[in-house]
Structures are given as C-alpha cells and as structure tokens.
Amino acid sequence: MYRIVVTGLAALACGLALAGTATAGTQDFTLINATGTDIHNLFISESKKDNWEEDVLGEDTLPQGESIKITFSGKKACLWDIMVKDEEGEGVYWNEIDLCETSKVRLLCSESKGCWAEFE
C-alpha cells in the first residue's frame, strides 16, 4: 500500500465512485469513501486529457463509509486523474493514479492533514 497526500485542502471532504458495466478491464478497482462526508460528483479522466468529461455519479451520491466497484471496458491507459466534489461543489483531485497497479482506492480527509488517498 502507498499513500499520496493532497495538501492545502484541509476543510474539503473528498471521495469518489464510479459505476461501470460490460467487460472488466485491468484498471478496475474498488473505491472506499472514508472522507467523513458524502461525495456528490465524481470525474475520472485519462491523465493528460484536457477535460473531465461527465460526472459519473449523475444524480447519485457515494455516502461516507460506503464503497463501490469501478469497472472499465475497452480502456488501455493505466494512468488516470480523479476529481471529486462535495455538496457545496468544493473539489479535490489526484493526478496520474496507476489503476493498472491498484485494486483499492481509499479516500480520506481530516482538518489537520488535508485529503489523501491510500492505494492497495
């Protein structure tokens, strides 16, 4: 397991979820929301892309303490960027997460440490 810390966002609660269908890809992973708040928006994009595309949660939220299996179909890229937003629209993002080497992504936040992600 390794950990990436996102600094300067201590007050922001962050999280992530994505539902997919079809054939599983190498990048499939389980997302765990351990941020202390519900997640209202989630964007996942191949690294180095210019836009975040659509909110994969749509009208749904990922409650604090819940997890979801995220699946990919027909994607070859290993490096992905992830952005999440809370109810107020405050966001945090992680760049170049190697989803080919990760089976679990746990997102955590605290007022004293900011937001970070742990990977297995």
C-alpha atoms as a PDB file:
ATOM      1  CA  MET A   1       0.000   0.000   0.000  1.00  0.00           C
ATOM      2  CA  TYR A   2       1.199   3.524  -0.683  1.00  0.00           C
ATOM      3  CA  ARG A   3      -0.225   6.926   0.117  1.00  0.00           C
ATOM      4  CA  ILE A   4      -0.463  10.258  -1.687  1.00  0.00           C
ATOM      5  CA  VAL A   5      -1.254  13.373   0.352  1.00  0.00           C
ATOM      6  CA  VAL A   6      -3.112  16.315  -1.181  1.00  0.00           C
ATOM      7  CA  THR A   7      -2.126  19.453   0.734  1.00  0.00           C
ATOM      8  CA  GLY A   8      -3.869  22.785   1.167  1.00  0.00           C
ATOM      9  CA  LEU A   9      -7.400  21.351   1.196  1.00  0.00           C
ATOM     10  CA  ALA A  10      -7.875  20.652   4.899  1.00  0.00           C
ATOM     11  CA  ALA A  11     -11.504  21.777   5.054  1.00  0.00           C
ATOM     12  CA  LEU A  12     -12.551  19.849   1.964  1.00  0.00           C
ATOM     13  CA  ALA A  13     -14.119  16.449   2.312  1.00  0.00           C
ATOM     14  CA  CYS A  14     -13.451  14.311  -0.704  1.00  0.00           C
ATOM     15  CA  GLY A  15     -14.436  10.929  -2.139  1.00  0.00           C
ATOM     16  CA  LEU A  16     -15.045   9.011  -5.259  1.00  0.00           C
ATOM     17  CA  ALA A  17     -17.253   6.483  -7.027  1.00  0.00           C
ATOM     18  CA  LEU A  18     -17.898   5.175 -10.474  1.00  0.00           C
ATOM     19  CA  ALA A  19     -20.255   2.538 -11.733  1.00  0.00           C
ATOM     20  CA  GLY A  20     -19.447   0.684 -14.908  1.00  0.00           C
ATOM     21  CA  THR A  21     -20.762  -2.158 -16.976  1.00  0.00           C
ATOM     22  CA  ALA A  22     -19.516  -4.565 -19.612  1.00  0.00           C
ATOM     23  CA  THR A  23     -16.248  -6.480 -19.585  1.00  0.00           C
ATOM     24  CA  ALA A  24     -13.845  -5.807 -16.728  1.00  0.00           C
ATOM     25  CA  GLY A  25     -10.592  -4.027 -17.512  1.00  0.00           C
ATOM     26  CA  THR A  26      -7.138  -4.086 -15.984  1.00  0.00           C
ATOM     27  CA  GLN A  27      -7.910  -0.728 -14.349  1.00  0.00           C
ATOM     28  CA  ASP A  28     -10.899  -1.993 -12.312  1.00  0.00           C
ATOM     29  CA  PHE A  29     -10.762  -1.040  -8.636  1.00  0.00           C
ATOM     30  CA  THR A  30     -12.854  -0.610  -5.506  1.00  0.00           C
ATOM     31  CA  LEU A  31     -13.303   2.921  -4.206  1.00  0.00           C
ATOM     32  CA  ILE A  32     -13.811   3.437  -0.473  1.00  0.00           C
ATOM     33  CA  ASN A  33     -15.199   6.760   0.797  1.00  0.00           C
ATOM     34  CA  ALA A  34     -13.541   7.375   4.170  1.00  0.00           C
ATOM     35  CA  THR A  35     -13.645  11.172   3.866  1.00  0.00           C
ATOM     36  CA  GLY A  36     -16.192  11.986   6.546  1.00  0.00           C
ATOM     37  CA  THR A  37     -18.770  13.312   4.067  1.00  0.00           C
ATOM     38  CA  ASP A  38     -20.923  12.186   1.151  1.00  0.00           C
ATOM     39  CA  ILE A  39     -19.496  12.521  -2.363  1.00  0.00           C
ATOM     40  CA  HIS A  40     -21.755  14.358  -4.834  1.00  0.00           C
ATOM     41  CA  ASN A  41     -19.664  14.492  -8.012  1.00  0.00           C
ATOM     42  CA  LEU A  42     -17.003  12.221  -9.470  1.00  0.00           C
ATOM     43  CA  PHE A  43     -14.932  12.693 -12.576  1.00  0.00           C
ATOM     44  CA  ILE A  44     -12.370  10.226 -13.931  1.00  0.00           C
ATOM     45  CA  SER A  45     -10.261  11.022 -16.968  1.00  0.00           C
ATOM     46  CA  GLU A  46      -7.221   9.534 -18.621  1.00  0.00           C
ATOM     47  CA  SER A  47      -4.172  11.513 -17.488  1.00  0.00           C
ATOM     48  CA  LYS A  48      -3.111  14.342 -19.778  1.00  0.00           C
ATOM     49  CA  LYS A  49      -6.641  14.823 -21.198  1.00  0.00           C
ATOM     50  CA  ASP A  50      -7.989  18.366 -21.449  1.00  0.00           C
ATOM     51  CA  ASN A  51     -11.440  17.793 -19.929  1.00  0.00           C
ATOM     52  CA  TRP A  52     -13.042  15.819 -17.121  1.00  0.00           C
ATOM     53  CA  GLU A  53     -15.940  14.527 -19.213  1.00  0.00           C
ATOM     54  CA  GLU A  54     -19.268  13.848 -17.447  1.00  0.00           C
ATOM     55  CA  ASP A  55     -19.992  13.303 -13.756  1.00  0.00           C
ATOM     56  CA  VAL A  56     -20.065   9.517 -13.433  1.00  0.00           C
ATOM     57  CA  LEU A  57     -22.335   9.659 -10.371  1.00  0.00           C
ATOM     58  CA  GLY A  58     -25.058  11.564 -12.197  1.00  0.00           C
ATOM     59  CA  GLU A  59     -27.800  12.252  -9.634  1.00  0.00           C
ATOM     60  CA  ASP A  60     -26.401   9.717  -7.123  1.00  0.00           C
ATOM     61  CA  THR A  61     -24.043  10.248  -4.203  1.00  0.00           C
ATOM     62  CA  LEU A  62     -21.493   7.987  -2.532  1.00  0.00           C
ATOM     63  CA  PRO A  63     -22.185   8.090   1.215  1.00  0.00           C
ATOM     64  CA  GLN A  64     -19.397   8.289   3.781  1.00  0.00           C
ATOM     65  CA  GLY A  65     -18.236   4.784   4.723  1.00  0.00           C
ATOM     66  CA  GLU A  66     -19.555   3.151   1.538  1.00  0.00           C
ATOM     67  CA  SER A  67     -17.569   1.553  -1.271  1.00  0.00           C
ATOM     68  CA  ILE A  68     -18.233   0.847  -4.907  1.00  0.00           C
ATOM     69  CA  LYS A  69     -16.621  -1.290  -7.593  1.00  0.00           C
ATOM     70  CA  ILE A  70     -15.398   0.777 -10.522  1.00  0.00           C
ATOM     71  CA  THR A  71     -15.033  -1.066 -13.813  1.00  0.00           C
ATOM     72  CA  PHE A  72     -13.595  -0.161 -17.183  1.00  0.00           C
ATOM     73  CA  SER A  73     -14.264  -1.591 -20.608  1.00  0.00           C
ATOM     74  CA  GLY A  74     -12.042  -1.261 -23.654  1.00  0.00           C
ATOM     75  CA  LYS A  75      -9.577   1.122 -21.993  1.00  0.00           C
ATOM     76  CA  LYS A  76      -5.828   0.602 -22.299  1.00  0.00           C
ATOM     77  CA  ALA A  77      -4.437   3.561 -20.343  1.00  0.00           C
ATOM     78  CA  CYS A  78      -3.076   2.876 -16.862  1.00  0.00           C
ATOM     79  CA  LEU A  79      -2.674   6.467 -15.633  1.00  0.00           C
ATOM     80  CA  TRP A  80      -5.905   8.236 -14.637  1.00  0.00           C
ATOM     81  CA  ASP A  81      -6.819  11.531 -12.955  1.00  0.00           C
ATOM     82  CA  ILE A  82      -9.663  11.604 -10.430  1.00  0.00           C
ATOM     83  CA  MET A  83     -11.637  14.602  -9.172  1.00  0.00           C
ATOM     84  CA  VAL A  84     -14.384  14.560  -6.541  1.00  0.00           C
ATOM     85  CA  LYS A  85     -16.699  17.280  -5.235  1.00  0.00           C
ATOM     86  CA  ASP A  86     -18.725  17.668  -2.069  1.00  0.00           C
ATOM     87  CA  GLU A  87     -22.272  19.048  -1.766  1.00  0.00           C
ATOM     88  CA  GLU A  88     -21.037  22.660  -1.956  1.00  0.00           C
ATOM     89  CA  GLY A  89     -19.078  21.944  -5.150  1.00  0.00           C
ATOM     90  CA  GLU A  90     -15.664  22.115  -3.460  1.00  0.00           C
ATOM     91  CA  GLY A  91     -13.293  19.758  -5.260  1.00  0.00           C
ATOM     92  CA  VAL A  92     -10.016  17.942  -4.913  1.00  0.00           C
ATOM     93  CA  TYR A  93      -8.146  15.862  -7.460  1.00  0.00           C
ATOM     94  CA  TRP A  94      -5.367  13.346  -7.823  1.00  0.00           C
ATOM     95  CA  ASN A  95      -3.168  13.097 -10.925  1.00  0.00           C
ATOM     96  CA  GLU A  96      -1.622  10.061 -12.599  1.00  0.00           C
ATOM     97  CA  ILE A  97      -3.017   7.282 -10.452  1.00  0.00           C
ATOM     98  CA  ASP A  98      -1.799   3.974 -11.875  1.00  0.00           C
ATOM     99  CA  LEU A  99      -5.014   1.969 -11.924  1.00  0.00           C
ATOM    100  CA  CYS A 100      -3.254  -1.000 -13.549  1.00  0.00           C
ATOM    101  CA  GLU A 101      -1.336  -1.452 -10.272  1.00  0.00           C
ATOM    102  CA  THR A 102      -4.190  -0.587  -7.878  1.00  0.00           C
ATOM    103  CA  SER A 103      -7.118  -2.712  -6.719  1.00  0.00           C
ATOM    104  CA  LYS A 104      -8.412  -0.401  -3.951  1.00  0.00           C
ATOM    105  CA  VAL A 105      -8.501   3.371  -3.596  1.00  0.00           C
ATOM    106  CA  ARG A 106      -9.404   4.689  -0.136  1.00  0.00           C
ATOM    107  CA  LEU A 107     -10.030   8.440   0.106  1.00  0.00           C
ATOM    108  CA  LEU A 108      -9.562  10.118   3.478  1.00  0.00           C
ATOM    109  CA  CYS A 109      -9.732  13.710   4.774  1.00  0.00           C
ATOM    110  CA  SER A 110      -9.060  15.445   8.068  1.00  0.00           C
ATOM    111  CA  GLU A 111      -8.900  19.098   9.064  1.00  0.00           C
ATOM    112  CA  SER A 112      -5.332  18.733  10.314  1.00  0.00           C
ATOM    113  CA  LYS A 113      -3.891  16.659   7.432  1.00  0.00           C
ATOM    114  CA  GLY A 114      -5.991  17.637   4.403  1.00  0.00           C
ATOM    115  CA  CYS A 115      -7.107  14.966   1.922  1.00  0.00           C
ATOM    116  CA  TRP A 116      -5.138  11.979   0.744  1.00  0.00           C
ATOM    117  CA  ALA A 117      -5.624   8.639  -0.933  1.00  0.00           C
ATOM    118  CA  GLU A 118      -4.303   5.229   0.014  1.00  0.00           C
ATOM    119  CA  PHE A 119      -3.821   2.560  -2.620  1.00  0.00           C
ATOM    120  CA  GLU A 120      -3.563  -1.224  -2.468  1.00  0.00           C
END
